[in-house]
């Protein structure tokens, strides 16, 4: 008897979670090309869900009530989990308004800084741009890490981090003595 309850309980939880997930997706994001898809999803789920409730109830009547409770808890848990994942997904920085512009600016700033790292003439002319013992260059390094972190972390202000990176690069260039004429035109 306990093994049968466990077996039907597992089947109930899996079928209920899968059916709830599929129905939520179709009702939220569209039903797809098949007009009767929603009916067949409900039917397919109920082919497993109803026997998982009824068979244990035939052997022990309170089991039916327990299985109904388990099914309801599974529906609630599945919906709560799906909504939480959707909130997390929606909060991803790359889904925010203006992300592509901020990412392009971030990339442009890093490209500007890379000249000091990769061009031997720039490294020789402006050694302070690669020396993190210099206060401004250390601040630039921290701003780079912050911008990269904000680019991939939900709940952060990526645009402000990119702005701070631009300011840190300008400050490091001023401190290193980079002439204004040598700086590329802003994009």
Protein backbone atom coordinates (compact mmCIF):
# COMPACT_ATOMS: atom_id res chain seq x y z
CA UNK A 1 0.00 0.00 0.00
CA UNK A 2 2.69 2.62 0.87
CA UNK A 3 4.68 1.71 -2.25
CA UNK A 4 1.56 2.15 -4.40
CA UNK A 5 0.84 5.55 -2.80
CA UNK A 6 4.42 6.61 -3.40
CA UNK A 7 4.33 5.48 -7.03
CA UNK A 8 1.02 7.23 -7.74
CA UNK A 9 2.20 10.29 -5.79
CA UNK A 10 5.30 10.63 -7.95
CA UNK A 11 3.22 10.18 -11.12
CA UNK A 12 0.74 12.79 -9.86
CA UNK A 13 3.40 15.36 -9.03
CA UNK A 14 5.23 14.93 -12.35
CA UNK A 15 2.08 14.97 -14.48
CA UNK A 16 0.58 17.91 -12.61
CA UNK A 17 3.79 19.96 -12.78
CA UNK A 18 4.26 19.25 -16.49
CA UNK A 19 0.63 19.99 -17.35
CA UNK A 20 0.62 23.20 -15.29
CA UNK A 21 3.86 24.38 -16.88
CA UNK A 22 2.66 23.69 -20.44
CA UNK A 23 -0.72 25.32 -19.85
CA UNK A 24 0.87 28.38 -18.25
CA UNK A 25 3.27 28.79 -21.20
CA UNK A 26 0.51 28.43 -23.77
CA UNK A 27 -1.89 30.76 -21.98
CA UNK A 28 0.82 33.34 -21.37
CA UNK A 29 2.78 33.26 -24.63
CA UNK A 30 0.26 31.97 -27.16
CA UNK A 31 -1.23 28.68 -28.09
CA UNK A 32 0.81 27.88 -31.17
CA UNK A 33 -0.34 26.77 -34.61
CA UNK A 34 -2.55 23.89 -33.42
CA UNK A 35 -6.06 25.16 -32.53
CA UNK A 36 -6.90 22.23 -30.26
CA UNK A 37 -3.52 22.12 -28.52
CA UNK A 38 -4.86 23.40 -25.22
CA UNK A 39 -7.55 20.70 -25.12
CA UNK A 40 -5.03 17.95 -25.83
CA UNK A 41 -2.65 19.24 -23.18
CA UNK A 42 -5.41 19.17 -20.56
CA UNK A 43 -6.57 15.76 -21.77
CA UNK A 44 -3.04 14.32 -21.76
CA UNK A 45 -2.39 15.58 -18.25
CA UNK A 46 -5.71 14.32 -16.91
CA UNK A 47 -5.01 10.82 -18.31
CA UNK A 48 -2.33 10.51 -15.64
CA UNK A 49 -3.63 12.92 -12.98
CA UNK A 50 -7.11 11.41 -12.57
CA UNK A 51 -5.95 7.79 -12.17
CA UNK A 52 -3.23 8.99 -9.77
CA UNK A 53 -6.02 10.37 -7.56
CA UNK A 54 -8.70 7.72 -8.11
CA UNK A 55 -6.69 4.47 -7.86
CA UNK A 56 -5.32 5.18 -4.35
CA UNK A 57 -8.78 6.47 -3.30
CA UNK A 58 -10.34 3.12 -4.24
CA UNK A 59 -7.93 1.27 -1.94
CA UNK A 60 -8.08 3.76 0.92
CA UNK A 61 -10.62 6.62 0.72
CA UNK A 62 -8.52 9.21 2.62
CA UNK A 63 -5.78 8.69 0.02
CA UNK A 64 -7.93 10.43 -2.59
CA UNK A 65 -8.11 13.53 -0.40
CA UNK A 66 -4.37 13.38 0.20
CA UNK A 67 -3.72 13.09 -3.53
CA UNK A 68 -6.00 16.04 -4.32
CA UNK A 69 -4.04 18.09 -1.78
CA UNK A 70 -0.71 16.95 -3.31
CA UNK A 71 -1.97 17.86 -6.79
CA UNK A 72 -3.12 21.30 -5.65
CA UNK A 73 0.16 21.95 -3.87
CA UNK A 74 2.03 20.91 -7.02
CA UNK A 75 0.00 23.35 -9.15
CA UNK A 76 0.67 26.18 -6.69
CA UNK A 77 4.37 25.34 -6.42
CA UNK A 78 4.80 25.07 -10.18
CA UNK A 79 3.10 28.41 -10.84
CA UNK A 80 5.11 30.13 -8.10
CA UNK A 81 8.36 28.70 -9.49
CA UNK A 82 7.53 29.66 -13.07
CA UNK A 83 6.67 33.22 -12.05
CA UNK A 84 9.85 33.55 -10.00
CA UNK A 85 11.98 32.35 -12.92
CA UNK A 86 10.17 34.76 -15.25
CA UNK A 87 10.84 37.68 -12.86
CA UNK A 88 14.52 36.75 -12.66
CA UNK A 89 14.68 36.37 -16.42
CA UNK A 90 12.99 39.75 -17.00
CA UNK A 91 15.44 41.45 -14.62
CA UNK A 92 18.48 40.36 -16.62
CA UNK A 93 20.48 43.42 -17.61
CA UNK A 94 20.48 42.53 -21.31
CA UNK A 95 16.68 42.82 -21.34
CA UNK A 96 16.67 46.38 -19.99
CA UNK A 97 15.88 49.35 -22.18
CA UNK A 98 19.02 50.91 -23.63
CA UNK A 99 21.22 47.90 -22.89
CA UNK A 100 22.60 47.67 -26.43
CA UNK A 101 23.61 51.34 -26.41
CA UNK A 102 25.24 50.97 -22.99
CA UNK A 103 27.04 47.80 -24.10
CA UNK A 104 28.29 49.53 -27.26
CA UNK A 105 29.61 52.46 -25.23
CA UNK A 106 31.20 50.05 -22.75
CA UNK A 107 32.91 48.21 -25.61
CA UNK A 108 34.11 51.49 -27.12
CA UNK A 109 35.63 52.59 -23.81
CA UNK A 110 37.39 49.25 -23.39
CA UNK A 111 38.68 49.48 -26.97
CA UNK A 112 40.06 52.94 -26.20
CA UNK A 113 41.79 51.62 -23.07
CA UNK A 114 43.19 48.56 -24.87
CA UNK A 115 45.33 50.86 -27.03
CA UNK A 116 47.40 51.61 -23.94
CA UNK A 117 47.77 47.90 -23.18
CA UNK A 118 48.38 46.52 -26.67
CA UNK A 119 50.10 49.31 -28.63
CA UNK A 120 53.79 49.38 -27.66
CA UNK A 121 54.12 53.06 -28.64
CA UNK A 122 51.20 54.03 -26.39
CA UNK A 123 52.60 51.90 -23.55
CA UNK A 124 55.95 53.64 -23.83
CA UNK A 125 54.46 57.13 -24.17
CA UNK A 126 51.93 56.72 -21.34
CA UNK A 127 53.19 54.09 -18.87
CA UNK A 128 50.85 55.35 -16.12
CA UNK A 129 47.87 54.02 -18.11
CA UNK A 130 48.96 50.45 -17.32
CA UNK A 131 50.41 51.05 -13.86
CA UNK A 132 47.75 50.23 -11.27
CA UNK A 133 49.92 51.77 -8.57
CA UNK A 134 48.72 55.09 -9.95
CA UNK A 135 45.55 56.13 -8.12
CA UNK A 136 43.63 57.02 -11.27
CA UNK A 137 44.61 53.80 -13.07
CA UNK A 138 43.61 51.74 -10.04
CA UNK A 139 40.24 53.53 -10.05
CA UNK A 140 39.95 52.74 -13.77
CA UNK A 141 40.61 49.07 -13.05
CA UNK A 142 37.89 49.03 -10.36
CA UNK A 143 35.47 50.80 -12.72
CA UNK A 144 36.15 48.16 -15.38
CA UNK A 145 35.36 45.35 -12.94
CA UNK A 146 32.21 47.14 -11.78
CA UNK A 147 30.96 47.68 -15.34
CA UNK A 148 31.56 44.02 -16.22
CA UNK A 149 29.75 42.94 -13.06
CA UNK A 150 26.79 45.24 -13.75
CA UNK A 151 26.61 44.03 -17.34
CA UNK A 152 25.71 40.50 -16.24
CA UNK A 153 24.05 41.02 -12.85
CA UNK A 154 20.37 41.70 -12.32
CA UNK A 155 19.41 44.59 -10.07
CA UNK A 156 22.43 46.74 -10.93
CA UNK A 157 22.69 50.03 -12.78
CA UNK A 158 24.76 49.16 -15.84
CA UNK A 159 24.35 52.59 -17.45
CA UNK A 160 25.73 54.34 -14.34
CA UNK A 161 28.64 51.87 -14.16
CA UNK A 162 29.53 52.57 -17.80
CA UNK A 163 29.36 56.30 -17.08
CA UNK A 164 31.71 55.87 -14.11
CA UNK A 165 34.04 53.83 -16.35
CA UNK A 166 34.11 56.65 -18.93
CA UNK A 167 34.88 59.17 -16.19
CA UNK A 168 37.61 56.93 -14.73
CA UNK A 169 39.24 56.52 -18.15
CA UNK A 170 39.19 60.27 -18.73
CA UNK A 171 40.70 60.88 -15.27
CA UNK A 172 43.41 58.26 -15.84
CA UNK A 173 44.27 59.78 -19.23
CA UNK A 174 44.52 63.26 -17.69
CA UNK A 175 46.73 61.93 -14.89
CA UNK A 176 48.93 60.08 -17.40
CA UNK A 177 49.36 63.26 -19.45
CA UNK A 178 47.59 62.03 -22.57
CA UNK A 179 47.12 65.12 -24.75
CA UNK A 180 43.50 65.90 -25.61
CA UNK A 181 44.35 65.83 -29.35
CA UNK A 182 45.53 62.21 -28.98
CA UNK A 183 42.18 61.08 -27.65
CA UNK A 184 39.74 59.60 -30.15
CA UNK A 185 36.54 61.51 -30.86
CA UNK A 186 33.63 60.38 -28.68
CA UNK A 187 31.16 58.08 -30.40
